[in-house]
């Protein structure tokens, strides 16, 4: 029963090739002018940031000014001193649930 050929190898290969070729995305169109490059770069940047990187983030967090706080200094022992700063990614009054147990 298992030795019986249902589909010839040539037909199977052809069908697989057709299936894959129909699902390959077309190459992107290359902008022809500097203005088109600039507008395409802006469109991609907006898409990556708004639809991917910050997807689901509240608008007020994304558009908020960064807040830097000096939390101390780091002394190297060789006479060099570095300022140690912390950055808040979201308002302290409304942290995401996964951060509620941490000290703010």
Protein backbone atom coordinates (compact mmCIF):
# COMPACT_ATOMS: atom_id res chain seq x y z
CA UNK A 1 0.00 0.00 0.00
CA UNK A 2 2.76 2.50 0.87
CA UNK A 3 4.80 1.54 -2.19
CA UNK A 4 2.08 2.75 -4.53
CA UNK A 5 3.09 6.07 -6.11
CA UNK A 6 0.36 8.68 -5.77
CA UNK A 7 2.19 11.60 -7.33
CA UNK A 8 5.26 11.49 -9.52
CA UNK A 9 8.35 13.31 -8.17
CA UNK A 10 8.31 15.71 -11.15
CA UNK A 11 4.70 16.75 -10.49
CA UNK A 12 5.36 17.13 -6.76
CA UNK A 13 8.42 19.31 -7.45
CA UNK A 14 6.45 21.45 -9.91
CA UNK A 15 3.61 21.94 -7.43
CA UNK A 16 6.00 22.88 -4.62
CA UNK A 17 7.79 25.38 -6.87
CA UNK A 18 4.48 26.96 -7.92
CA UNK A 19 3.37 27.17 -4.29
CA UNK A 20 6.60 28.87 -3.20
CA UNK A 21 6.89 31.21 -6.20
CA UNK A 22 3.36 32.51 -5.60
CA UNK A 23 4.25 33.40 -2.00
CA UNK A 24 7.53 35.22 -2.55
CA UNK A 25 7.16 38.94 -1.99
CA UNK A 26 7.96 41.24 -4.87
CA UNK A 27 11.19 43.21 -4.44
CA UNK A 28 10.65 46.74 -3.15
CA UNK A 29 10.55 49.55 -5.68
CA UNK A 30 13.67 51.69 -5.50
CA UNK A 31 12.90 55.39 -5.18
CA UNK A 32 14.18 57.32 -8.17
CA UNK A 33 14.78 60.72 -6.58
CA UNK A 34 16.23 62.03 -3.31
CA UNK A 35 12.79 63.37 -2.33
CA UNK A 36 11.27 59.90 -2.76
CA UNK A 37 14.08 58.39 -0.67
CA UNK A 38 13.43 60.93 2.07
CA UNK A 39 9.68 60.38 2.12
CA UNK A 40 10.12 56.57 2.07
CA UNK A 41 12.62 56.78 4.94
CA UNK A 42 10.16 58.89 6.95
CA UNK A 43 7.33 56.45 6.20
CA UNK A 44 9.42 53.44 7.26
CA UNK A 45 10.68 55.20 10.39
CA UNK A 46 7.12 56.08 11.40
CA UNK A 47 5.92 52.53 10.73
CA UNK A 48 8.76 50.91 12.69
CA UNK A 49 8.42 53.20 15.67
CA UNK A 50 4.64 53.56 15.92
CA UNK A 51 3.45 50.16 14.68
CA UNK A 52 6.26 47.93 15.96
CA UNK A 53 8.56 49.40 18.63
CA UNK A 54 5.92 51.38 20.56
CA UNK A 55 2.89 49.22 19.68
CA UNK A 56 0.54 49.25 22.67
CA UNK A 57 2.39 51.97 24.57
CA UNK A 58 0.27 54.90 25.79
CA UNK A 59 0.75 57.95 23.56
CA UNK A 60 1.74 60.14 26.55
CA UNK A 61 4.70 57.85 27.30
CA UNK A 62 5.93 57.81 23.71
CA UNK A 63 5.70 61.59 23.32
CA UNK A 64 6.97 62.50 26.82
CA UNK A 65 10.30 64.28 27.23
CA UNK A 66 13.02 62.01 28.63
CA UNK A 67 13.72 62.43 32.34
CA UNK A 68 17.33 62.01 33.48
CA UNK A 69 18.19 61.81 37.16
CA UNK A 70 21.68 61.87 38.61
CA UNK A 71 21.87 58.98 41.04
CA UNK A 72 25.50 59.28 42.10
CA UNK A 73 29.05 59.17 40.89
CA UNK A 74 31.36 56.33 39.96
CA UNK A 75 34.98 56.71 41.03
CA UNK A 76 37.48 54.58 39.16
CA UNK A 77 40.27 54.88 41.70
CA UNK A 78 42.56 56.31 39.03
CA UNK A 79 41.32 59.86 39.53
CA UNK A 80 38.50 59.63 36.99
CA UNK A 81 34.94 60.29 38.14
CA UNK A 82 31.87 59.50 36.06
CA UNK A 83 28.37 60.80 36.65
CA UNK A 84 25.84 57.99 37.03
CA UNK A 85 22.43 58.87 35.56
CA UNK A 86 19.14 57.00 35.37
CA UNK A 87 16.46 57.47 32.73
CA UNK A 88 12.74 56.99 33.23
CA UNK A 89 10.94 55.39 30.31
CA UNK A 90 7.47 55.99 31.71
CA UNK A 91 5.82 58.28 34.27
CA UNK A 92 6.28 57.15 37.88
CA UNK A 93 2.59 57.75 38.58
CA UNK A 94 1.51 55.18 35.98
CA UNK A 95 4.11 52.38 35.55
CA UNK A 96 3.31 49.24 33.59
CA UNK A 97 2.13 46.28 35.70
CA UNK A 98 5.39 44.40 35.33
CA UNK A 99 7.24 47.28 37.04
CA UNK A 100 4.93 47.86 40.00
CA UNK A 101 6.98 45.73 42.40
CA UNK A 102 10.22 47.60 41.68
CA UNK A 103 11.38 50.66 43.55
CA UNK A 104 10.90 53.88 41.61
